[in-house]
């Protein structure tokens, strides 16, 4: 049987399997990274001469659809989530 943990969502606390919580945390980290990249590319497209909003969007879509970029984002999020929980467990003395 899998271990359960608490997942806090706005207005609720849900008991979910630990693997689901970690997967959601990794997906959220990847989505935040993609959002920051989008903001940077759109901002850059608006600041350069002859730039336009859709130019930044097109660049972001081409960037985010690359499998090496997605793999790097997922791997970074996975290692970060794993490290944070590993470090927290060792600080508690488990």
N, C-alpha and C. Protein backbone atom coordinates (compact mmCIF):
# COMPACT_ATOMS: atom_id res chain seq x y z
N UNK A 1 0.84 -1.18 0.00
CA UNK A 1 0.00 0.00 0.00
C UNK A 1 0.89 1.24 0.00
N UNK A 2 0.55 2.23 -0.79
CA UNK A 2 1.37 3.42 -0.89
C UNK A 2 1.15 4.34 0.31
N UNK A 3 2.18 5.09 0.61
CA UNK A 3 2.09 6.06 1.70
C UNK A 3 1.21 7.23 1.27
N UNK A 4 0.50 7.78 2.21
CA UNK A 4 -0.38 8.92 1.93
C UNK A 4 0.25 10.19 2.50
N UNK A 5 -0.10 11.31 1.90
CA UNK A 5 0.38 12.61 2.34
C UNK A 5 -0.73 13.63 2.10
N UNK A 6 -0.55 14.81 2.63
CA UNK A 6 -1.55 15.86 2.50
C UNK A 6 -1.18 16.76 1.32
N UNK A 7 -2.15 17.00 0.46
CA UNK A 7 -2.01 17.94 -0.65
C UNK A 7 -2.93 19.11 -0.36
N UNK A 8 -2.35 20.28 -0.27
CA UNK A 8 -3.14 21.48 0.04
C UNK A 8 -3.48 22.18 -1.27
N UNK A 9 -4.78 22.33 -1.51
CA UNK A 9 -5.28 23.08 -2.65
C UNK A 9 -6.14 24.20 -2.07
N UNK A 10 -6.39 25.26 -2.82
CA UNK A 10 -7.15 26.37 -2.26
C UNK A 10 -8.46 25.92 -1.60
N UNK A 11 -8.54 26.13 -0.32
CA UNK A 11 -9.75 25.82 0.43
C UNK A 11 -9.90 24.39 0.91
N UNK A 12 -8.95 23.51 0.57
CA UNK A 12 -9.08 22.10 0.94
C UNK A 12 -7.72 21.50 1.27
N UNK A 13 -7.78 20.45 2.07
CA UNK A 13 -6.62 19.60 2.30
C UNK A 13 -7.03 18.19 1.91
N UNK A 14 -6.33 17.61 0.94
CA UNK A 14 -6.68 16.30 0.43
C UNK A 14 -5.61 15.29 0.82
N UNK A 15 -6.03 14.08 1.13
CA UNK A 15 -5.10 12.99 1.37
C UNK A 15 -4.90 12.25 0.05
N UNK A 16 -3.66 12.24 -0.42
CA UNK A 16 -3.34 11.64 -1.72
C UNK A 16 -2.10 10.77 -1.58
N UNK A 17 -1.90 9.84 -2.52
CA UNK A 17 -0.65 9.07 -2.51
C UNK A 17 0.55 9.99 -2.70
N UNK A 18 1.64 9.65 -2.06
CA UNK A 18 2.86 10.45 -2.13
C UNK A 18 3.35 10.65 -3.57
N UNK A 19 3.24 9.61 -4.39
CA UNK A 19 3.70 9.69 -5.78
C UNK A 19 2.89 10.73 -6.55
N UNK A 20 1.58 10.78 -6.31
CA UNK A 20 0.74 11.77 -6.99
C UNK A 20 1.14 13.19 -6.59
N UNK A 21 1.38 13.40 -5.30
CA UNK A 21 1.78 14.74 -4.84
C UNK A 21 3.10 15.16 -5.48
N UNK A 22 4.08 14.26 -5.50
CA UNK A 22 5.37 14.59 -6.11
C UNK A 22 5.22 14.86 -7.61
N UNK A 23 4.39 14.08 -8.28
CA UNK A 23 4.16 14.29 -9.72
C UNK A 23 3.52 15.65 -9.98
N UNK A 24 2.57 16.03 -9.15
CA UNK A 24 1.93 17.35 -9.30
C UNK A 24 2.93 18.47 -9.03
N UNK A 25 3.81 18.29 -8.06
CA UNK A 25 4.82 19.30 -7.78
C UNK A 25 5.78 19.44 -8.95
N UNK A 26 6.17 18.34 -9.55
CA UNK A 26 7.06 18.39 -10.71
C UNK A 26 6.37 19.06 -11.89
N UNK A 27 5.11 18.72 -12.13
CA UNK A 27 4.36 19.34 -13.23
C UNK A 27 4.20 20.85 -13.00
N UNK A 28 3.97 21.25 -11.76
CA UNK A 28 3.83 22.68 -11.45
C UNK A 28 5.15 23.41 -11.69
N UNK A 29 6.26 22.79 -11.32
CA UNK A 29 7.57 23.42 -11.54
C UNK A 29 7.87 23.57 -13.03
N UNK A 30 7.53 22.56 -13.81
CA UNK A 30 7.73 22.63 -15.26
C UNK A 30 6.85 23.72 -15.86
N UNK A 31 5.60 23.80 -15.43
CA UNK A 31 4.69 24.83 -15.94
C UNK A 31 5.17 26.24 -15.57
N UNK A 32 5.65 26.41 -14.35
CA UNK A 32 6.18 27.72 -13.94
C UNK A 32 7.40 28.11 -14.77
N UNK A 33 8.28 27.14 -15.02
CA UNK A 33 9.46 27.41 -15.84
C UNK A 33 9.07 27.81 -17.25
N UNK A 34 8.11 27.09 -17.82
CA UNK A 34 7.63 27.43 -19.17
C UNK A 34 6.99 28.81 -19.18
N UNK A 35 6.25 29.15 -18.13
CA UNK A 35 5.63 30.48 -18.03
C UNK A 35 6.65 31.60 -17.95
N UNK A 36 7.70 31.38 -17.18
CA UNK A 36 8.76 32.40 -17.08
C UNK A 36 9.45 32.56 -18.43
N UNK A 37 9.72 31.45 -19.10
CA UNK A 37 10.35 31.54 -20.43
C UNK A 37 9.44 32.29 -21.40
N UNK A 38 8.14 32.04 -21.33
CA UNK A 38 7.19 32.76 -22.18
C UNK A 38 7.21 34.26 -21.90
N UNK A 39 7.20 34.62 -20.63
CA UNK A 39 7.22 36.05 -20.27
C UNK A 39 8.50 36.72 -20.77
N UNK A 40 9.62 36.04 -20.65
CA UNK A 40 10.90 36.61 -21.12
C UNK A 40 10.88 36.78 -22.63
N UNK A 41 10.43 35.78 -23.35
CA UNK A 41 10.44 35.85 -24.81
C UNK A 41 9.44 36.87 -25.35
N UNK A 42 8.27 36.96 -24.74
CA UNK A 42 7.30 37.96 -25.18
C UNK A 42 7.81 39.37 -24.84
N UNK A 43 8.37 39.53 -23.65
CA UNK A 43 8.94 40.82 -23.28
C UNK A 43 10.06 41.23 -24.21
N UNK A 44 10.90 40.27 -24.56
CA UNK A 44 11.99 40.55 -25.50
C UNK A 44 11.44 40.94 -26.86
N UNK A 45 10.39 40.25 -27.31
CA UNK A 45 9.81 40.57 -28.60
C UNK A 45 9.21 41.97 -28.64
N UNK A 46 8.72 42.43 -27.50
CA UNK A 46 8.13 43.77 -27.46
C UNK A 46 9.18 44.87 -27.32
N UNK A 47 10.35 44.54 -26.79
CA UNK A 47 11.37 45.56 -26.54
C UNK A 47 12.31 45.79 -27.71
N UNK A 48 12.45 44.82 -28.58
CA UNK A 48 13.37 45.00 -29.70
C UNK A 48 12.67 45.79 -30.81
N UNK A 49 13.45 46.53 -31.59
CA UNK A 49 12.84 47.25 -32.70
C UNK A 49 12.19 46.27 -33.68
N UNK A 50 11.06 46.63 -34.18
CA UNK A 50 10.29 45.82 -35.12
C UNK A 50 9.79 44.51 -34.49
N UNK A 51 9.79 44.48 -33.18
CA UNK A 51 9.29 43.29 -32.49
C UNK A 51 7.78 43.33 -32.38
N UNK A 52 7.21 42.18 -32.13
CA UNK A 52 5.77 42.10 -31.97
C UNK A 52 5.44 40.96 -31.01
N UNK A 53 4.27 41.00 -30.46
CA UNK A 53 3.84 40.02 -29.47
C UNK A 53 3.89 38.60 -30.02
N UNK A 54 3.38 38.40 -31.21
CA UNK A 54 3.33 37.05 -31.78
C UNK A 54 4.71 36.49 -32.11
N UNK A 55 5.67 37.36 -32.33
CA UNK A 55 7.03 36.89 -32.58
C UNK A 55 7.56 36.18 -31.33
N UNK A 56 7.33 36.75 -30.17
CA UNK A 56 7.74 36.11 -28.92
C UNK A 56 7.00 34.80 -28.69
N UNK A 57 5.71 34.79 -29.00
CA UNK A 57 4.91 33.57 -28.86
C UNK A 57 5.43 32.47 -29.77
N UNK A 58 5.69 32.81 -31.04
CA UNK A 58 6.20 31.83 -32.00
C UNK A 58 7.54 31.26 -31.56
N UNK A 59 8.40 32.13 -31.04
CA UNK A 59 9.70 31.68 -30.55
C UNK A 59 9.53 30.74 -29.37
N UNK A 60 8.61 31.08 -28.46
CA UNK A 60 8.37 30.24 -27.28
C UNK A 60 7.83 28.87 -27.67
N UNK A 61 6.87 28.84 -28.61
CA UNK A 61 6.30 27.57 -29.05
C UNK A 61 7.38 26.69 -29.67
N UNK A 62 8.24 27.28 -30.50
CA UNK A 62 9.33 26.51 -31.10
C UNK A 62 10.29 26.01 -30.02
N UNK A 63 10.54 26.84 -29.01
CA UNK A 63 11.45 26.49 -27.91
C UNK A 63 10.87 25.38 -27.05
N UNK A 64 9.62 25.52 -26.67
CA UNK A 64 9.01 24.61 -25.70
C UNK A 64 8.68 23.25 -26.34
N UNK A 65 8.54 23.19 -27.65
CA UNK A 65 8.25 21.92 -28.32
C UNK A 65 9.49 21.06 -28.55
N UNK A 66 10.65 21.58 -28.22
CA UNK A 66 11.86 20.78 -28.36
C UNK A 66 11.93 19.75 -27.24
N UNK A 67 12.15 18.50 -27.59
CA UNK A 67 12.15 17.44 -26.57
C UNK A 67 13.33 17.58 -25.61
N UNK A 68 14.46 18.09 -26.08
CA UNK A 68 15.59 18.26 -25.17
C UNK A 68 15.30 19.34 -24.13
N UNK A 69 14.59 20.36 -24.50
CA UNK A 69 14.22 21.42 -23.55
C UNK A 69 13.23 20.87 -22.53
N UNK A 70 12.21 20.17 -22.99
CA UNK A 70 11.23 19.58 -22.07
C UNK A 70 11.88 18.58 -21.13
N UNK A 71 12.76 17.74 -21.66
CA UNK A 71 13.44 16.75 -20.84
C UNK A 71 14.30 17.42 -19.77
N UNK A 72 14.97 18.50 -20.14
CA UNK A 72 15.79 19.23 -19.17
C UNK A 72 14.92 19.86 -18.09
N UNK A 73 13.79 20.43 -18.47
CA UNK A 73 12.89 21.03 -17.49
C UNK A 73 12.35 19.98 -16.52
N UNK A 74 11.93 18.84 -17.05
CA UNK A 74 11.38 17.77 -16.20
C UNK A 74 12.47 17.19 -15.30
N UNK A 75 13.64 16.95 -15.85
CA UNK A 75 14.74 16.40 -15.05
C UNK A 75 15.14 17.36 -13.94
N UNK A 76 15.22 18.64 -14.24
CA UNK A 76 15.57 19.63 -13.22
C UNK A 76 14.51 19.67 -12.12
N UNK A 77 13.25 19.66 -12.49
CA UNK A 77 12.18 19.66 -11.49
C UNK A 77 12.20 18.39 -10.66
N UNK A 78 12.41 17.26 -11.29
CA UNK A 78 12.46 15.97 -10.59
C UNK A 78 13.60 15.94 -9.57
N UNK A 79 14.77 16.33 -9.98
CA UNK A 79 15.91 16.34 -9.07
C UNK A 79 15.70 17.34 -7.94
N UNK A 80 15.15 18.50 -8.23
CA UNK A 80 14.91 19.51 -7.20
C UNK A 80 13.91 19.02 -6.16
N UNK A 81 12.79 18.45 -6.61
CA UNK A 81 11.79 17.93 -5.67
C UNK A 81 12.39 16.80 -4.83
N UNK A 82 13.10 15.89 -5.48
CA UNK A 82 13.74 14.80 -4.76
C UNK A 82 14.71 15.33 -3.73
N UNK A 83 15.56 16.29 -4.09
CA UNK A 83 16.57 16.83 -3.18
C UNK A 83 15.93 17.54 -1.98
N UNK A 84 14.91 18.33 -2.23
CA UNK A 84 14.26 19.06 -1.13
C UNK A 84 13.68 18.09 -0.10
N UNK A 85 13.00 17.04 -0.57
CA UNK A 85 12.42 16.08 0.37
C UNK A 85 13.50 15.23 1.03
N UNK A 86 14.54 14.87 0.32
CA UNK A 86 15.65 14.12 0.91
C UNK A 86 16.31 14.94 2.01
N UNK A 87 16.58 16.21 1.73
CA UNK A 87 17.21 17.08 2.72
C UNK A 87 16.30 17.28 3.93
N UNK A 88 15.02 17.48 3.71
CA UNK A 88 14.07 17.67 4.81
C UNK A 88 14.02 16.42 5.70
N UNK A 89 14.01 15.24 5.09
CA UNK A 89 13.98 14.00 5.87
C UNK A 89 15.25 13.83 6.69
N UNK A 90 16.40 14.23 6.16
CA UNK A 90 17.65 14.11 6.90
C UNK A 90 17.76 15.15 8.02
N UNK A 91 17.15 16.32 7.84
CA UNK A 91 17.15 17.32 8.90
C UNK A 91 16.30 16.86 10.07
N UNK A 92 15.23 16.11 9.79
CA UNK A 92 14.36 15.61 10.84
C UNK A 92 14.99 14.42 11.57
N UNK A 93 16.01 13.82 10.98
CA UNK A 93 16.70 12.72 11.63
C UNK A 93 16.10 11.35 11.33
N UNK A 94 15.43 11.22 10.20
CA UNK A 94 14.87 9.91 9.82
C UNK A 94 15.95 8.96 9.44
